[in-house]
PDB file of N, CA and C in Angstrom:
ATOM      1  N   MET A   1     -16.559  10.631 -12.661  1.00  0.00           N
ATOM      2  CA  MET A   1     -15.310  10.635 -13.398  1.00  0.00           C
ATOM      3  C   MET A   1     -14.700  12.035 -13.428  1.00  0.00           C
ATOM      4  N   LYS A   2     -15.577  13.035 -13.611  1.00  0.00           N
ATOM      5  CA  LYS A   2     -15.084  14.403 -13.645  1.00  0.00           C
ATOM      6  C   LYS A   2     -14.481  14.795 -12.304  1.00  0.00           C
ATOM      7  N   MET A   3     -15.120  14.356 -11.232  1.00  0.00           N
ATOM      8  CA  MET A   3     -14.626  14.674  -9.895  1.00  0.00           C
ATOM      9  C   MET A   3     -13.253  14.052  -9.663  1.00  0.00           C
ATOM     10  N   ILE A   4     -13.053  12.852 -10.165  1.00  0.00           N
ATOM     11  CA  ILE A   4     -11.758  12.193  -9.999  1.00  0.00           C
ATOM     12  C   ILE A   4     -10.676  12.948 -10.761  1.00  0.00           C
ATOM     13  N   LYS A   5     -10.981  13.370 -11.995  1.00  0.00           N
ATOM     14  CA  LYS A   5     -10.012  14.126 -12.789  1.00  0.00           C
ATOM     15  C   LYS A   5      -9.669  15.450 -12.113  1.00  0.00           C
ATOM     16  N   THR A   6     -10.684  16.115 -11.618  1.00  0.00           N
ATOM     17  CA  THR A   6     -10.464  17.394 -10.951  1.00  0.00           C
ATOM     18  C   THR A   6      -9.616  17.212  -9.699  1.00  0.00           C
ATOM     19  N   THR A   7      -9.923  16.197  -8.917  1.00  0.00           N
ATOM     20  CA  THR A   7      -9.163  15.929  -7.701  1.00  0.00           C
ATOM     21  C   THR A   7      -7.702  15.614  -8.027  1.00  0.00           C
ATOM     22  N   LEU A   8      -7.484  14.816  -9.059  1.00  0.00           N
ATOM     23  CA  LEU A   8      -6.114  14.489  -9.448  1.00  0.00           C
ATOM     24  C   LEU A   8      -5.363  15.718  -9.936  1.00  0.00           C
ATOM     25  N   LEU A   9      -6.041  16.561 -10.708  1.00  0.00           N
ATOM     26  CA  LEU A   9      -5.401  17.774 -11.215  1.00  0.00           C
ATOM     27  C   LEU A   9      -5.033  18.723 -10.080  1.00  0.00           C
ATOM     28  N   VAL A  10      -5.953  18.937  -9.172  1.00  0.00           N
ATOM     29  CA  VAL A  10      -5.694  19.831  -8.041  1.00  0.00           C
ATOM     30  C   VAL A  10      -4.590  19.258  -7.152  1.00  0.00           C
ATOM     31  N   SER A  11      -4.622  17.969  -6.901  1.00  0.00           N
ATOM     32  CA  SER A  11      -3.581  17.338  -6.078  1.00  0.00           C
ATOM     33  C   SER A  11      -2.206  17.466  -6.730  1.00  0.00           C
ATOM     34  N   ALA A  12      -2.158  17.261  -8.024  1.00  0.00           N
ATOM     35  CA  ALA A  12      -0.875  17.379  -8.734  1.00  0.00           C
ATOM     36  C   ALA A  12      -0.340  18.798  -8.660  1.00  0.00           C
ATOM     37  N   MET A  13      -1.235  19.773  -8.799  1.00  0.00           N
ATOM     38  CA  MET A  13      -0.788  21.169  -8.715  1.00  0.00           C
ATOM     39  C   MET A  13      -0.267  21.513  -7.326  1.00  0.00           C
ATOM     40  N   ILE A  14      -0.966  21.039  -6.323  1.00  0.00           N
ATOM     41  CA  ILE A  14      -0.552  21.355  -4.951  1.00  0.00           C
ATOM     42  C   ILE A  14       0.802  20.732  -4.639  1.00  0.00           C
ATOM     43  N   PHE A  15       0.979  19.462  -5.009  1.00  0.00           N
ATOM     44  CA  PHE A  15       2.239  18.797  -4.687  1.00  0.00           C
ATOM     45  C   PHE A  15       3.394  19.332  -5.523  1.00  0.00           C
ATOM     46  N   SER A  16       3.139  19.661  -6.782  1.00  0.00           N
ATOM     47  CA  SER A  16       4.230  20.171  -7.608  1.00  0.00           C
ATOM     48  C   SER A  16       4.597  21.601  -7.230  1.00  0.00           C
ATOM     49  N   ALA A  17       3.628  22.359  -6.763  1.00  0.00           N
ATOM     50  CA  ALA A  17       3.890  23.760  -6.431  1.00  0.00           C
ATOM     51  C   ALA A  17       4.430  23.938  -5.027  1.00  0.00           C
ATOM     52  N   SER A  18       4.214  22.986  -4.160  1.00  0.00           N
ATOM     53  CA  SER A  18       4.599  23.187  -2.760  1.00  0.00           C
ATOM     54  C   SER A  18       6.102  23.232  -2.565  1.00  0.00           C
ATOM     55  N   GLY A  19       6.857  22.546  -3.398  1.00  0.00           N
ATOM     56  CA  GLY A  19       8.303  22.524  -3.225  1.00  0.00           C
ATOM     57  C   GLY A  19       9.022  23.644  -3.942  1.00  0.00           C
ATOM     58  N   LEU A  20       8.318  24.441  -4.697  1.00  0.00           N
ATOM     59  CA  LEU A  20       8.958  25.495  -5.468  1.00  0.00           C
ATOM     60  C   LEU A  20       8.872  26.830  -4.742  1.00  0.00           C
ATOM     61  N   ALA A  21       9.909  27.597  -4.884  1.00  0.00           N
ATOM     62  CA  ALA A  21       9.860  28.966  -4.368  1.00  0.00           C
ATOM     63  C   ALA A  21       9.330  29.834  -5.505  1.00  0.00           C
ATOM     64  N   MET A  22       8.083  30.277  -5.375  1.00  0.00           N
ATOM     65  CA  MET A  22       7.444  31.010  -6.464  1.00  0.00           C
ATOM     66  C   MET A  22       7.207  32.456  -6.057  1.00  0.00           C
ATOM     67  N   ASP A  23       7.179  33.297  -7.056  1.00  0.00           N
ATOM     68  CA  ASP A  23       6.784  34.665  -6.772  1.00  0.00           C
ATOM     69  C   ASP A  23       5.260  34.735  -6.739  1.00  0.00           C
ATOM     70  N   LYS A  24       4.734  35.911  -6.485  1.00  0.00           N
ATOM     71  CA  LYS A  24       3.293  36.045  -6.307  1.00  0.00           C
ATOM     72  C   LYS A  24       2.521  35.745  -7.582  1.00  0.00           C
ATOM     73  N   SER A  25       3.085  36.066  -8.754  1.00  0.00           N
ATOM     74  CA  SER A  25       2.388  35.796 -10.015  1.00  0.00           C
ATOM     75  C   SER A  25       2.224  34.297 -10.243  1.00  0.00           C
ATOM     76  N   ALA A  26       3.294  33.553 -10.037  1.00  0.00           N
ATOM     77  CA  ALA A  26       3.233  32.110 -10.253  1.00  0.00           C
ATOM     78  C   ALA A  26       2.329  31.436  -9.231  1.00  0.00           C
ATOM     79  N   ALA A  27       2.417  31.876  -7.991  1.00  0.00           N
ATOM     80  CA  ALA A  27       1.554  31.303  -6.959  1.00  0.00           C
ATOM     81  C   ALA A  27       0.090  31.604  -7.253  1.00  0.00           C
ATOM     82  N   GLY A  28      -0.182  32.817  -7.712  1.00  0.00           N
ATOM     83  CA  GLY A  28      -1.553  33.176  -8.088  1.00  0.00           C
ATOM     84  C   GLY A  28      -2.055  32.365  -9.258  1.00  0.00           C
ATOM     85  N   ALA A  29      -1.178  32.103 -10.224  1.00  0.00           N
ATOM     86  CA  ALA A  29      -1.575  31.302 -11.378  1.00  0.00           C
ATOM     87  C   ALA A  29      -1.926  29.875 -10.976  1.00  0.00           C
ATOM     88  N   VAL A  30      -1.115  29.294 -10.101  1.00  0.00           N
ATOM     89  CA  VAL A  30      -1.383  27.923  -9.643  1.00  0.00           C
ATOM     90  C   VAL A  30      -2.685  27.869  -8.840  1.00  0.00           C
ATOM     91  N   ALA A  31      -2.849  28.826  -7.942  1.00  0.00           N
ATOM     92  CA  ALA A  31      -4.074  28.849  -7.139  1.00  0.00           C
ATOM     93  C   ALA A  31      -5.304  29.097  -8.005  1.00  0.00           C
ATOM     94  N   GLY A  32      -5.196  30.031  -8.948  1.00  0.00           N
ATOM     95  CA  GLY A  32      -6.319  30.316  -9.842  1.00  0.00           C
ATOM     96  C   GLY A  32      -6.670  29.137 -10.727  1.00  0.00           C
ATOM     97  N   ALA A  33      -5.664  28.446 -11.230  1.00  0.00           N
ATOM     98  CA  ALA A  33      -5.918  27.271 -12.062  1.00  0.00           C
ATOM     99  C   ALA A  33      -6.582  26.168 -11.250  1.00  0.00           C
ATOM    100  N   ALA A  34      -6.142  25.994 -10.018  1.00  0.00           N
ATOM    101  CA  ALA A  34      -6.748  24.964  -9.169  1.00  0.00           C
ATOM    102  C   ALA A  34      -8.208  25.290  -8.873  1.00  0.00           C
ATOM    103  N   ILE A  35      -8.487  26.550  -8.584  1.00  0.00           N
ATOM    104  CA  ILE A  35      -9.875  26.946  -8.310  1.00  0.00           C
ATOM    105  C   ILE A  35     -10.716  26.833  -9.568  1.00  0.00           C
ATOM    106  N   GLY A  36     -10.170  27.257 -10.709  1.00  0.00           N
ATOM    107  CA  GLY A  36     -10.893  27.140 -11.973  1.00  0.00           C
ATOM    108  C   GLY A  36     -11.188  25.696 -12.332  1.00  0.00           C
ATOM    109  N   ALA A  37     -10.231  24.811 -12.073  1.00  0.00           N
ATOM    110  CA  ALA A  37     -10.444  23.392 -12.361  1.00  0.00           C
ATOM    111  C   ALA A  37     -11.479  22.780 -11.434  1.00  0.00           C
ATOM    112  N   ALA A  38     -11.459  23.206 -10.189  1.00  0.00           N
ATOM    113  CA  ALA A  38     -12.385  22.631  -9.216  1.00  0.00           C
ATOM    114  C   ALA A  38     -13.813  23.112  -9.432  1.00  0.00           C
ATOM    115  N   THR A  39     -13.984  24.345  -9.847  1.00  0.00           N
ATOM    116  CA  THR A  39     -15.333  24.902  -9.964  1.00  0.00           C
ATOM    117  C   THR A  39     -15.839  24.986 -11.390  1.00  0.00           C
ATOM    118  N   GLY A  40     -14.971  24.851 -12.363  1.00  0.00           N
ATOM    119  CA  GLY A  40     -15.371  25.040 -13.757  1.00  0.00           C
ATOM    120  C   GLY A  40     -15.819  23.774 -14.442  1.00  0.00           C
ATOM    121  N   LYS A  41     -16.182  23.957 -15.694  1.00  0.00           N
ATOM    122  CA  LYS A  41     -16.702  22.853 -16.479  1.00  0.00           C
ATOM    123  C   LYS A  41     -15.731  22.386 -17.554  1.00  0.00           C
ATOM    124  N   SER A  42     -14.671  23.151 -17.797  1.00  0.00           N
ATOM    125  CA  SER A  42     -13.792  22.812 -18.906  1.00  0.00           C
ATOM    126  C   SER A  42     -12.383  23.332 -18.644  1.00  0.00           C
ATOM    127  N   VAL A  43     -11.526  23.085 -19.619  1.00  0.00           N
ATOM    128  CA  VAL A  43     -10.157  23.581 -19.552  1.00  0.00           C
ATOM    129  C   VAL A  43     -10.167  25.109 -19.627  1.00  0.00           C
ATOM    130  N   LYS A  44     -11.159  25.662 -20.309  1.00  0.00           N
ATOM    131  CA  LYS A  44     -11.277  27.116 -20.417  1.00  0.00           C
ATOM    132  C   LYS A  44     -11.401  27.750 -19.031  1.00  0.00           C
ATOM    133  N   SER A  45     -12.127  27.114 -18.137  1.00  0.00           N
ATOM    134  CA  SER A  45     -12.254  27.619 -16.770  1.00  0.00           C
ATOM    135  C   SER A  45     -10.918  27.586 -16.043  1.00  0.00           C
ATOM    136  N   THR A  46     -10.152  26.540 -16.263  1.00  0.00           N
ATOM    137  CA  THR A  46      -8.845  26.414 -15.635  1.00  0.00           C
ATOM    138  C   THR A  46      -7.896  27.495 -16.126  1.00  0.00           C
ATOM    139  N   VAL A  47      -7.899  27.714 -17.440  1.00  0.00           N
ATOM    140  CA  VAL A  47      -7.025  28.740 -18.019  1.00  0.00           C
ATOM    141  C   VAL A  47      -7.450  30.127 -17.555  1.00  0.00           C
ATOM    142  N   GLY A  48      -8.750  30.380 -17.545  1.00  0.00           N
ATOM    143  CA  GLY A  48      -9.242  31.668 -17.063  1.00  0.00           C
ATOM    144  C   GLY A  48      -8.868  31.917 -15.616  1.00  0.00           C
ATOM    145  N   GLY A  49      -8.974  30.883 -14.795  1.00  0.00           N
ATOM    146  CA  GLY A  49      -8.570  31.005 -13.389  1.00  0.00           C
ATOM    147  C   GLY A  49      -7.086  31.287 -13.251  1.00  0.00           C
ATOM    148  N   ALA A  50      -6.277  30.654 -14.095  1.00  0.00           N
ATOM    149  CA  ALA A  50      -4.834  30.890 -14.048  1.00  0.00           C
ATOM    150  C   ALA A  50      -4.496  32.321 -14.444  1.00  0.00           C
ATOM    151  N   VAL A  51      -5.174  32.841 -15.457  1.00  0.00           N
ATOM    152  CA  VAL A  51      -4.919  34.219 -15.902  1.00  0.00           C
ATOM    153  C   VAL A  51      -5.295  35.215 -14.810  1.00  0.00           C
ATOM    154  N   VAL A  52      -6.476  35.029 -14.243  1.00  0.00           N
ATOM    155  CA  VAL A  52      -6.926  35.938 -13.188  1.00  0.00           C
ATOM    156  C   VAL A  52      -6.005  35.841 -11.969  1.00  0.00           C
ATOM    157  N   GLY A  53      -5.618  34.627 -11.593  1.00  0.00           N
ATOM    158  CA  GLY A  53      -4.732  34.442 -10.443  1.00  0.00           C
ATOM    159  C   GLY A  53      -3.356  35.048 -10.654  1.00  0.00           C
ATOM    160  N   ALA A  54      -2.798  34.854 -11.833  1.00  0.00           N
ATOM    161  CA  ALA A  54      -1.473  35.416 -12.120  1.00  0.00           C
ATOM    162  C   ALA A  54      -1.520  36.932 -12.142  1.00  0.00           C
ATOM    163  N   GLY A  55      -2.562  37.482 -12.727  1.00  0.00           N
ATOM    164  CA  GLY A  55      -2.702  38.941 -12.749  1.00  0.00           C
ATOM    165  C   GLY A  55      -2.886  39.513 -11.359  1.00  0.00           C
ATOM    166  N   THR A  56      -3.669  38.827 -10.544  1.00  0.00           N
ATOM    167  CA  THR A  56      -3.866  39.278  -9.166  1.00  0.00           C
ATOM    168  C   THR A  56      -2.561  39.227  -8.390  1.00  0.00           C
ATOM    169  N   GLY A  57      -1.823  38.152  -8.563  1.00  0.00           N
ATOM    170  CA  GLY A  57      -0.521  38.040  -7.899  1.00  0.00           C
ATOM    171  C   GLY A  57       0.437  39.132  -8.335  1.00  0.00           C
ATOM    172  N   ALA A  58       0.422  39.460  -9.621  1.00  0.00           N
ATOM    173  CA  ALA A  58       1.290  40.524 -10.127  1.00  0.00           C
ATOM    174  C   ALA A  58       0.893  41.871  -9.538  1.00  0.00           C
ATOM    175  N   MET A  59      -0.406  42.105  -9.402  1.00  0.00           N
ATOM    176  CA  MET A  59      -0.873  43.387  -8.870  1.00  0.00           C
ATOM    177  C   MET A  59      -0.580  43.532  -7.378  1.00  0.00           C
ATOM    178  N   LEU A  60      -0.420  42.426  -6.677  1.00  0.00           N
ATOM    179  CA  LEU A  60      -0.129  42.475  -5.245  1.00  0.00           C
ATOM    180  C   LEU A  60       1.352  42.689  -4.932  1.00  0.00           C
ATOM    181  N   LYS A  61       2.186  42.692  -5.961  1.00  0.00           N
ATOM    182  CA  LYS A  61       3.612  42.932  -5.735  1.00  0.00           C
ATOM    183  C   LYS A  61       3.828  44.390  -5.355  1.00  0.00           C
ATOM    184  N   SER A  62       4.892  44.624  -4.623  1.00  0.00           N
ATOM    185  CA  SER A  62       5.222  45.997  -4.243  1.00  0.00           C
ATOM    186  C   SER A  62       6.245  46.552  -5.231  1.00  0.00           C
ATOM    187  N   GLY A  63       6.414  47.840  -5.192  1.00  0.00           N
ATOM    188  CA  GLY A  63       7.417  48.473  -6.045  1.00  0.00           C
ATOM    189  C   GLY A  63       6.885  48.835  -7.412  1.00  0.00           C
ATOM    190  N   ASP A  64       7.826  49.091  -8.317  1.00  0.00           N
ATOM    191  CA  ASP A  64       7.469  49.557  -9.649  1.00  0.00           C
ATOM    192  C   ASP A  64       6.729  48.508 -10.471  1.00  0.00           C
ATOM    193  N   LYS A  65       7.118  47.240 -10.320  1.00  0.00           N
ATOM    194  CA  LYS A  65       6.431  46.184 -11.079  1.00  0.00           C
ATOM    195  C   LYS A  65       4.983  46.051 -10.646  1.00  0.00           C
ATOM    196  N   GLY A  66       4.732  46.130  -9.353  1.00  0.00           N
ATOM    197  CA  GLY A  66       3.362  46.058  -8.855  1.00  0.00           C
ATOM    198  C   GLY A  66       2.526  47.240  -9.315  1.00  0.00           C
ATOM    199  N   LYS A  67       3.137  48.424  -9.311  1.00  0.00           N
ATOM    200  CA  LYS A  67       2.430  49.621  -9.761  1.00  0.00           C
ATOM    201  C   LYS A  67       2.083  49.509 -11.245  1.00  0.00           C
ATOM    202  N   ALA A  68       3.021  49.042 -12.046  1.00  0.00           N
ATOM    203  CA  ALA A  68       2.764  48.860 -13.476  1.00  0.00           C
ATOM    204  C   ALA A  68       1.688  47.793 -13.704  1.00  0.00           C
ATOM    205  N   ALA A  69       1.710  46.742 -12.894  1.00  0.00           N
ATOM    206  CA  ALA A  69       0.710  45.686 -13.018  1.00  0.00           C
ATOM    207  C   ALA A  69      -0.677  46.207 -12.655  1.00  0.00           C
ATOM    208  N   ARG A  70      -0.754  47.042 -11.629  1.00  0.00           N
ATOM    209  CA  ARG A  70      -2.054  47.612 -11.242  1.00  0.00           C
ATOM    210  C   ARG A  70      -2.607  48.532 -12.318  1.00  0.00           C
ATOM    211  N   LYS A  71      -1.738  49.328 -12.945  1.00  0.00           N
ATOM    212  CA  LYS A  71      -2.181  50.188 -14.048  1.00  0.00           C
ATOM    213  C   LYS A  71      -2.650  49.336 -15.228  1.00  0.00           C
ATOM    214  N   GLY A  72      -1.883  48.303 -15.553  1.00  0.00           N
ATOM    215  CA  GLY A  72      -2.277  47.402 -16.639  1.00  0.00           C
ATOM    216  C   GLY A  72      -3.566  46.669 -16.330  1.00  0.00           C
ATOM    217  N   GLY A  73      -3.752  46.308 -15.068  1.00  0.00           N
ATOM    218  CA  GLY A  73      -4.982  45.631 -14.659  1.00  0.00           C
ATOM    219  C   GLY A  73      -6.202  46.519 -14.809  1.00  0.00           C
ATOM    220  N   ALA A  74      -6.053  47.802 -14.486  1.00  0.00           N
ATOM    221  CA  ALA A  74      -7.177  48.726 -14.629  1.00  0.00           C
ATOM    222  C   ALA A  74      -7.568  48.893 -16.089  1.00  0.00           C
ATOM    223  N   VAL A  75      -6.578  49.049 -16.941  1.00  0.00           N
ATOM    224  CA  VAL A  75      -6.861  49.177 -18.378  1.00  0.00           C
ATOM    225  C   VAL A  75      -7.447  47.876 -18.915  1.00  0.00           C
ATOM    226  N   GLY A  76      -6.883  46.753 -18.512  1.00  0.00           N
ATOM    227  CA  GLY A  76      -7.376  45.450 -18.962  1.00  0.00           C
ATOM    228  C   GLY A  76      -8.802  45.182 -18.529  1.00  0.00           C
ATOM    229  N   ALA A  77      -9.171  45.629 -17.340  1.00  0.00           N
ATOM    230  CA  ALA A  77     -10.541  45.436 -16.860  1.00  0.00           C
ATOM    231  C   ALA A  77     -11.533  46.191 -17.733  1.00  0.00           C
ATOM    232  N   VAL A  78     -11.193  47.410 -18.091  1.00  0.00           N
ATOM    233  CA  VAL A  78     -12.078  48.210 -18.950  1.00  0.00           C
ATOM    234  C   VAL A  78     -12.196  47.576 -20.333  1.00  0.00           C
ATOM    235  N   VAL A  79     -11.068  47.174 -20.899  1.00  0.00           N
ATOM    236  CA  VAL A  79     -11.080  46.546 -22.222  1.00  0.00           C
ATOM    237  C   VAL A  79     -11.838  45.222 -22.185  1.00  0.00           C
ATOM    238  N   GLY A  80     -11.597  44.417 -21.159  1.00  0.00           N
ATOM    239  CA  GLY A  80     -12.282  43.124 -21.039  1.00  0.00           C
ATOM    240  C   GLY A  80     -13.776  43.268 -20.868  1.00  0.00           C
ATOM    241  N   ALA A  81     -14.198  44.237 -20.056  1.00  0.00           N
ATOM    242  CA  ALA A  81     -15.630  44.467 -19.866  1.00  0.00           C
ATOM    243  C   ALA A  81     -16.282  44.951 -21.158  1.00  0.00           C
ATOM    244  N   GLY A  82     -15.606  45.839 -21.861  1.00  0.00           N
ATOM    245  CA  GLY A  82     -16.136  46.333 -23.133  1.00  0.00           C
ATOM    246  C   GLY A  82     -16.241  45.241 -24.179  1.00  0.00           C
ATOM    247  N   ALA A  83     -15.218  44.412 -24.265  1.00  0.00           N
ATOM    248  CA  ALA A  83     -15.247  43.317 -25.236  1.00  0.00           C
ATOM    249  C   ALA A  83     -16.343  42.314 -24.899  1.00  0.00           C
ATOM    250  N   ALA A  84     -16.524  42.045 -23.624  1.00  0.00           N
ATOM    251  CA  ALA A  84     -17.575  41.110 -23.214  1.00  0.00           C
ATOM    252  C   ALA A  84     -18.956  41.679 -23.506  1.00  0.00           C
ATOM    253  N   ALA A  85     -19.134  42.978 -23.279  1.00  0.00           N
ATOM    254  CA  ALA A  85     -20.424  43.607 -23.553  1.00  0.00           C
ATOM    255  C   ALA A  85     -20.746  43.571 -25.037  1.00  0.00           C
ATOM    256  N   VAL A  86     -19.759  43.836 -25.872  1.00  0.00           N
ATOM    257  CA  VAL A  86     -19.971  43.810 -27.323  1.00  0.00           C
ATOM    258  C   VAL A  86     -20.293  42.395 -27.789  1.00  0.00           C
ATOM    259  N   ALA A  87     -19.628  41.410 -27.200  1.00  0.00           N
ATOM    260  CA  ALA A  87     -19.836  40.017 -27.599  1.00  0.00           C
ATOM    261  C   ALA A  87     -21.077  39.405 -26.962  1.00  0.00           C
ATOM    262  N   GLY A  88     -21.716  40.120 -26.049  1.00  0.00           N
ATOM    263  CA  GLY A  88     -22.902  39.597 -25.387  1.00  0.00           C
ATOM    264  C   GLY A  88     -22.595  38.565 -24.312  1.00  0.00           C
ATOM    265  N   LYS A  89     -21.421  38.643 -23.734  1.00  0.00           N
ATOM    266  CA  LYS A  89     -21.001  37.708 -22.678  1.00  0.00           C
ATOM    267  C   LYS A  89     -21.118  38.372 -21.321  1.00  0.00           C
ATOM    268  N   ASN A  90     -20.744  37.667 -20.281  1.00  0.00           N
ATOM    269  CA  ASN A  90     -20.791  38.173 -18.918  1.00  0.00           C
ATOM    270  C   ASN A  90     -19.749  39.280 -18.742  1.00  0.00           C
ATOM    271  N   VAL A  91     -20.201  40.486 -18.438  1.00  0.00           N
ATOM    272  CA  VAL A  91     -19.315  41.646 -18.338  1.00  0.00           C
ATOM    273  C   VAL A  91     -18.354  41.513 -17.157  1.00  0.00           C
ATOM    274  N   LEU A  92     -18.830  41.010 -16.029  1.00  0.00           N
ATOM    275  CA  LEU A  92     -17.953  40.859 -14.863  1.00  0.00           C
ATOM    276  C   LEU A  92     -16.843  39.849 -15.114  1.00  0.00           C
ATOM    277  N   LYS A  93     -17.175  38.765 -15.792  1.00  0.00           N
ATOM    278  CA  LYS A  93     -16.153  37.766 -16.113  1.00  0.00           C
ATOM    279  C   LYS A  93     -15.140  38.357 -17.098  1.00  0.00           C
ATOM    280  N   GLY A  94     -15.633  39.125 -18.065  1.00  0.00           N
ATOM    281  CA  GLY A  94     -14.735  39.778 -19.013  1.00  0.00           C
ATOM    282  C   GLY A  94     -13.808  40.761 -18.327  1.00  0.00           C
ATOM    283  N   ALA A  95     -14.344  41.501 -17.355  1.00  0.00           N
ATOM    284  CA  ALA A  95     -13.513  42.450 -16.615  1.00  0.00           C
ATOM    285  C   ALA A  95     -12.464  41.723 -15.781  1.00  0.00           C
ATOM    286  N   ALA A  96     -12.830  40.602 -15.170  1.00  0.00           N
ATOM    287  CA  ALA A  96     -11.882  39.846 -14.347  1.00  0.00           C
ATOM    288  C   ALA A  96     -10.741  39.283 -15.182  1.00  0.00           C
ATOM    289  N   VAL A  97     -11.082  38.669 -16.298  1.00  0.00           N
ATOM    290  CA  VAL A  97     -10.048  38.090 -17.165  1.00  0.00           C
ATOM    291  C   VAL A  97      -9.203  39.205 -17.778  1.00  0.00           C
ATOM    292  N   GLY A  98      -9.852  40.306 -18.175  1.00  0.00           N
ATOM    293  CA  GLY A  98      -9.109  41.439 -18.726  1.00  0.00           C
ATOM    294  C   GLY A  98      -8.153  42.048 -17.718  1.00  0.00           C
ATOM    295  N   ALA A  99      -8.598  42.158 -16.462  1.00  0.00           N
ATOM    296  CA  ALA A  99      -7.727  42.696 -15.416  1.00  0.00           C
ATOM    297  C   ALA A  99      -6.539  41.769 -15.168  1.00  0.00           C
ATOM    298  N   GLY A 100      -6.794  40.472 -15.171  1.00  0.00           N
ATOM    299  CA  GLY A 100      -5.701  39.517 -14.981  1.00  0.00           C
ATOM    300  C   GLY A 100      -4.676  39.590 -16.100  1.00  0.00           C
ATOM    301  N   ALA A 101      -5.177  39.620 -17.336  1.00  0.00           N
ATOM    302  CA  ALA A 101      -4.266  39.705 -18.485  1.00  0.00           C
ATOM    303  C   ALA A 101      -3.531  41.041 -18.489  1.00  0.00           C
ATOM    304  N   GLY A 102      -4.239  42.116 -18.197  1.00  0.00           N
ATOM    305  CA  GLY A 102      -3.597  43.427 -18.164  1.00  0.00           C
ATOM    306  C   GLY A 102      -2.555  43.536 -17.069  1.00  0.00           C
ATOM    307  N   GLY A 103      -2.834  42.918 -15.924  1.00  0.00           N
ATOM    308  CA  GLY A 103      -1.863  42.922 -14.837  1.00  0.00           C
ATOM    309  C   GLY A 103      -0.583  42.187 -15.206  1.00  0.00           C
ATOM    310  N   MET A 104      -0.735  41.057 -15.875  1.00  0.00           N
ATOM    311  CA  MET A 104       0.455  40.312 -16.300  1.00  0.00           C
ATOM    312  C   MET A 104       1.237  41.096 -17.351  1.00  0.00           C
ATOM    313  N   ILE A 105       0.530  41.693 -18.304  1.00  0.00           N
ATOM    314  CA  ILE A 105       1.201  42.467 -19.351  1.00  0.00           C
ATOM    315  C   ILE A 105       1.895  43.679 -18.742  1.00  0.00           C
ATOM    316  N   GLY A 106       1.207  44.364 -17.808  1.00  0.00           N
ATOM    317  CA  GLY A 106       1.818  45.524 -17.160  1.00  0.00           C
ATOM    318  C   GLY A 106       3.094  45.172 -16.408  1.00  0.00           C
ATOM    319  N   GLU A 107       3.088  44.027 -15.751  1.00  0.00           N
ATOM    320  CA  GLU A 107       4.278  43.594 -15.012  1.00  0.00           C
ATOM    321  C   GLU A 107       5.420  43.256 -15.959  1.00  0.00           C
ATOM    322  N   VAL A 108       5.106  42.557 -17.023  1.00  0.00           N
ATOM    323  CA  VAL A 108       6.148  42.097 -17.938  1.00  0.00           C
ATOM    324  C   VAL A 108       6.757  43.261 -18.726  1.00  0.00           C
ATOM    325  N   THR A 109       5.936  44.219 -19.117  1.00  0.00           N
ATOM    326  CA  THR A 109       6.452  45.315 -19.936  1.00  0.00           C
ATOM    327  C   THR A 109       7.221  46.351 -19.135  1.00  0.00           C
ATOM    328  N   HIS A 110       7.140  46.277 -17.823  1.00  0.00           N
ATOM    329  CA  HIS A 110       7.867  47.279 -17.023  1.00  0.00           C
ATOM    330  C   HIS A 110       9.317  46.906 -16.888  1.00  0.00           C
TER     331      HIS A 110
END
């Protein structure tokens, strides 16, 4: 049953996203959410994948927005790793999610 739900979710994302002209952040979010849904155990995995994907897409942009996103991603990675270490969670996962969130914040605030 879980496999069917995951397949339907991924298929819906692919078909809905294929007709849209998206920037790198949106495309990264869709791809990250699809990967998180396919490999994860819950909605939390899907959301985490979307955050990491959107942040990665933002950091891959060129120009001032990309530079701001990369700076935000670096700060977010440090904060995420520190928060994960304090909470006793996986430090690498905390750094990845922190970098994604920081990249999105850096892009938006620029």
